[in-house]
Amino acid sequence: MLKNDKTISYFFLDPYSRSIEKMSGAWMGTFLDKTDNPLLKINGETRLPITHMNCNLAPPVGGKPSLLTFGDV
């Protein structure tokens, strides 16, 4: 837990697969790295990292939760 409750990064999660919109498999990547470079600061503050994780798991159906198969895990 952070002492000052200050944001240290941003993380986007996209857990469910959709028709043809995403590549198959699961992957994680970085949109922006953290930097203290004065030329890349935003309003004088350090630019925070932004990462994403795409999972392509089966979405919930008919009000029932999405359960992982052995292969998904």
N, C-alpha and C. Protein backbone atom coordinates (compact mmCIF):
# COMPACT_ATOMS: atom_id res chain seq x y z
N MET A 1 0.84 -1.18 0.00
CA MET A 1 0.00 0.00 0.00
C MET A 1 0.89 1.25 0.00
N LEU A 2 0.50 2.21 -0.77
CA LEU A 2 1.25 3.46 -0.82
C LEU A 2 0.91 4.35 0.36
N LYS A 3 1.90 5.05 0.87
CA LYS A 3 1.67 5.93 2.00
C LYS A 3 0.84 7.15 1.62
N ASN A 4 1.03 7.65 0.41
CA ASN A 4 0.36 8.90 0.04
C ASN A 4 -0.82 8.70 -0.92
N ASP A 5 -1.22 7.46 -1.19
CA ASP A 5 -2.34 7.15 -2.09
C ASP A 5 -2.20 7.81 -3.46
N LYS A 6 -0.97 7.91 -3.95
CA LYS A 6 -0.70 8.54 -5.25
C LYS A 6 -0.67 7.47 -6.35
N THR A 7 -1.25 7.76 -7.48
CA THR A 7 -1.25 6.83 -8.61
C THR A 7 0.17 6.61 -9.10
N ILE A 8 0.55 5.33 -9.31
CA ILE A 8 1.90 5.04 -9.77
C ILE A 8 1.93 4.46 -11.19
N SER A 9 0.78 4.03 -11.70
CA SER A 9 0.70 3.52 -13.07
C SER A 9 -0.77 3.32 -13.45
N TYR A 10 -0.97 3.00 -14.73
CA TYR A 10 -2.32 2.69 -15.22
C TYR A 10 -2.28 1.31 -15.85
N PHE A 11 -3.35 0.54 -15.63
CA PHE A 11 -3.42 -0.83 -16.14
C PHE A 11 -4.80 -1.07 -16.73
N PHE A 12 -4.84 -1.54 -17.97
CA PHE A 12 -6.11 -1.85 -18.64
C PHE A 12 -6.21 -3.34 -18.84
N LEU A 13 -7.35 -3.93 -18.46
CA LEU A 13 -7.58 -5.36 -18.60
C LEU A 13 -8.73 -5.59 -19.56
N ASP A 14 -8.51 -6.44 -20.55
CA ASP A 14 -9.53 -6.82 -21.52
C ASP A 14 -9.64 -8.35 -21.45
N PRO A 15 -10.51 -8.89 -20.56
CA PRO A 15 -10.50 -10.33 -20.30
C PRO A 15 -11.23 -11.21 -21.32
N TYR A 16 -12.20 -10.67 -22.04
CA TYR A 16 -13.06 -11.54 -22.84
C TYR A 16 -12.78 -11.47 -24.34
N SER A 17 -12.93 -12.60 -25.00
CA SER A 17 -12.77 -12.64 -26.45
C SER A 17 -14.05 -12.12 -27.12
N ARG A 18 -13.88 -11.59 -28.29
CA ARG A 18 -14.99 -11.13 -29.12
C ARG A 18 -14.73 -11.61 -30.54
N SER A 19 -15.73 -11.61 -31.35
CA SER A 19 -15.58 -12.12 -32.71
C SER A 19 -14.59 -11.26 -33.51
N ILE A 20 -13.56 -11.85 -33.99
CA ILE A 20 -12.59 -11.32 -34.94
C ILE A 20 -11.89 -10.02 -34.51
N GLU A 21 -12.31 -9.37 -33.45
CA GLU A 21 -11.71 -8.08 -33.08
C GLU A 21 -10.29 -8.20 -32.52
N LYS A 22 -9.97 -9.32 -31.87
CA LYS A 22 -8.67 -9.44 -31.22
C LYS A 22 -7.90 -10.62 -31.79
N MET A 23 -6.59 -10.57 -31.64
CA MET A 23 -5.74 -11.69 -32.02
C MET A 23 -6.01 -12.84 -31.06
N SER A 24 -5.70 -14.06 -31.49
CA SER A 24 -5.89 -15.21 -30.60
C SER A 24 -4.79 -15.24 -29.54
N GLY A 25 -5.03 -15.97 -28.47
CA GLY A 25 -4.06 -16.06 -27.38
C GLY A 25 -4.23 -14.94 -26.38
N ALA A 26 -3.31 -14.87 -25.45
CA ALA A 26 -3.32 -13.82 -24.44
C ALA A 26 -1.98 -13.10 -24.48
N TRP A 27 -1.98 -11.83 -24.22
CA TRP A 27 -0.74 -11.08 -24.25
C TRP A 27 -0.83 -9.86 -23.36
N MET A 28 0.34 -9.34 -23.02
CA MET A 28 0.43 -8.14 -22.21
C MET A 28 1.47 -7.23 -22.87
N GLY A 29 1.23 -5.94 -22.81
CA GLY A 29 2.18 -5.02 -23.42
C GLY A 29 2.15 -3.66 -22.74
N THR A 30 3.00 -2.79 -23.23
CA THR A 30 3.13 -1.45 -22.67
C THR A 30 2.76 -0.43 -23.72
N PHE A 31 1.86 0.50 -23.37
CA PHE A 31 1.56 1.63 -24.24
C PHE A 31 2.63 2.70 -24.07
N LEU A 32 2.90 3.05 -22.82
CA LEU A 32 3.90 4.07 -22.51
C LEU A 32 4.73 3.60 -21.32
N ASP A 33 6.03 3.84 -21.40
CA ASP A 33 6.91 3.56 -20.27
C ASP A 33 6.96 4.77 -19.35
N LYS A 34 7.32 4.54 -18.09
CA LYS A 34 7.52 5.64 -17.15
C LYS A 34 8.80 6.38 -17.56
N THR A 35 8.79 7.68 -17.43
CA THR A 35 10.00 8.44 -17.75
C THR A 35 10.11 9.67 -16.86
N ASP A 36 11.35 9.98 -16.49
CA ASP A 36 11.66 11.20 -15.76
C ASP A 36 12.32 12.21 -16.70
N ASN A 37 12.39 11.88 -17.98
CA ASN A 37 12.99 12.79 -18.96
C ASN A 37 12.23 14.11 -18.95
N PRO A 38 12.92 15.24 -18.70
CA PRO A 38 12.22 16.52 -18.60
C PRO A 38 11.47 16.91 -19.88
N LEU A 39 11.93 16.41 -21.02
CA LEU A 39 11.26 16.74 -22.28
C LEU A 39 9.94 15.99 -22.45
N LEU A 40 9.77 14.89 -21.72
CA LEU A 40 8.58 14.06 -21.86
C LEU A 40 7.63 14.16 -20.67
N LYS A 41 7.89 15.08 -19.76
CA LYS A 41 7.01 15.25 -18.60
C LYS A 41 5.69 15.90 -19.04
N ILE A 42 4.64 15.62 -18.30
CA ILE A 42 3.33 16.19 -18.59
C ILE A 42 3.01 17.18 -17.48
N ASN A 43 2.85 18.43 -17.83
CA ASN A 43 2.63 19.50 -16.85
C ASN A 43 3.67 19.48 -15.74
N GLY A 44 4.91 19.18 -16.11
CA GLY A 44 6.01 19.17 -15.15
C GLY A 44 6.10 17.93 -14.29
N GLU A 45 5.20 16.96 -14.49
CA GLU A 45 5.21 15.74 -13.68
C GLU A 45 5.67 14.54 -14.49
N THR A 46 6.24 13.57 -13.79
CA THR A 46 6.70 12.34 -14.42
C THR A 46 5.55 11.66 -15.14
N ARG A 47 5.81 11.22 -16.37
CA ARG A 47 4.79 10.48 -17.13
C ARG A 47 4.70 9.07 -16.56
N LEU A 48 3.51 8.63 -16.21
CA LEU A 48 3.30 7.31 -15.61
C LEU A 48 3.18 6.24 -16.68
N PRO A 49 3.58 5.00 -16.36
CA PRO A 49 3.46 3.91 -17.32
C PRO A 49 2.01 3.49 -17.53
N ILE A 50 1.71 3.05 -18.74
CA ILE A 50 0.39 2.53 -19.09
C ILE A 50 0.60 1.16 -19.73
N THR A 51 0.01 0.11 -19.12
CA THR A 51 0.14 -1.24 -19.65
C THR A 51 -1.24 -1.84 -19.91
N HIS A 52 -1.26 -2.92 -20.70
CA HIS A 52 -2.53 -3.58 -20.99
C HIS A 52 -2.34 -5.09 -20.98
N MET A 53 -3.43 -5.79 -20.68
CA MET A 53 -3.43 -7.25 -20.70
C MET A 53 -4.70 -7.72 -21.40
N ASN A 54 -4.52 -8.54 -22.44
CA ASN A 54 -5.63 -9.10 -23.20
C ASN A 54 -5.65 -10.61 -22.98
N CYS A 55 -6.81 -11.16 -22.60
CA CYS A 55 -6.86 -12.57 -22.21
C CYS A 55 -7.63 -13.49 -23.16
N ASN A 56 -8.62 -13.01 -23.86
CA ASN A 56 -9.44 -13.84 -24.76
C ASN A 56 -10.13 -15.00 -24.04
N LEU A 57 -10.68 -14.75 -22.85
CA LEU A 57 -11.42 -15.77 -22.12
C LEU A 57 -12.88 -15.76 -22.53
N ALA A 58 -13.60 -16.84 -22.26
CA ALA A 58 -15.02 -16.91 -22.60
C ALA A 58 -15.80 -15.94 -21.70
N PRO A 59 -16.67 -15.12 -22.28
CA PRO A 59 -17.46 -14.18 -21.47
C PRO A 59 -18.60 -14.90 -20.74
N PRO A 60 -19.16 -14.27 -19.69
CA PRO A 60 -20.32 -14.84 -19.02
C PRO A 60 -21.51 -14.93 -19.98
N VAL A 61 -22.34 -15.95 -19.81
CA VAL A 61 -23.49 -16.13 -20.69
C VAL A 61 -24.74 -16.39 -19.85
N GLY A 62 -25.83 -15.72 -20.18
CA GLY A 62 -27.11 -15.96 -19.52
C GLY A 62 -27.10 -15.74 -18.02
N GLY A 63 -26.35 -14.78 -17.54
CA GLY A 63 -26.33 -14.49 -16.11
C GLY A 63 -25.47 -15.43 -15.29
N LYS A 64 -24.80 -16.40 -15.95
CA LYS A 64 -23.92 -17.32 -15.25
C LYS A 64 -22.48 -16.83 -15.40
N PRO A 65 -21.64 -17.05 -14.37
CA PRO A 65 -20.26 -16.56 -14.45
C PRO A 65 -19.46 -17.32 -15.50
N SER A 66 -18.42 -16.68 -15.96
CA SER A 66 -17.49 -17.32 -16.88
C SER A 66 -16.50 -18.14 -16.07
N LEU A 67 -16.47 -19.43 -16.32
CA LEU A 67 -15.55 -20.32 -15.60
C LEU A 67 -14.40 -20.71 -16.51
N LEU A 68 -13.19 -20.75 -15.95
CA LEU A 68 -12.00 -21.10 -16.73
C LEU A 68 -11.90 -22.61 -16.92
N THR A 69 -11.54 -23.02 -18.12
CA THR A 69 -11.26 -24.44 -18.37
C THR A 69 -9.82 -24.71 -17.96
N PHE A 70 -9.44 -25.96 -17.92
CA PHE A 70 -8.05 -26.31 -17.59
C PHE A 70 -7.11 -25.67 -18.62
N GLY A 71 -7.51 -25.69 -19.89
CA GLY A 71 -6.70 -25.08 -20.94
C GLY A 71 -6.55 -23.58 -20.78
N ASP A 72 -7.59 -22.91 -20.30
CA ASP A 72 -7.52 -21.47 -20.09
C ASP A 72 -6.50 -21.12 -19.00
N VAL A 73 -6.47 -21.96 -17.98
CA VAL A 73 -5.56 -21.68 -16.85
C VAL A 73 -4.14 -21.93 -17.29
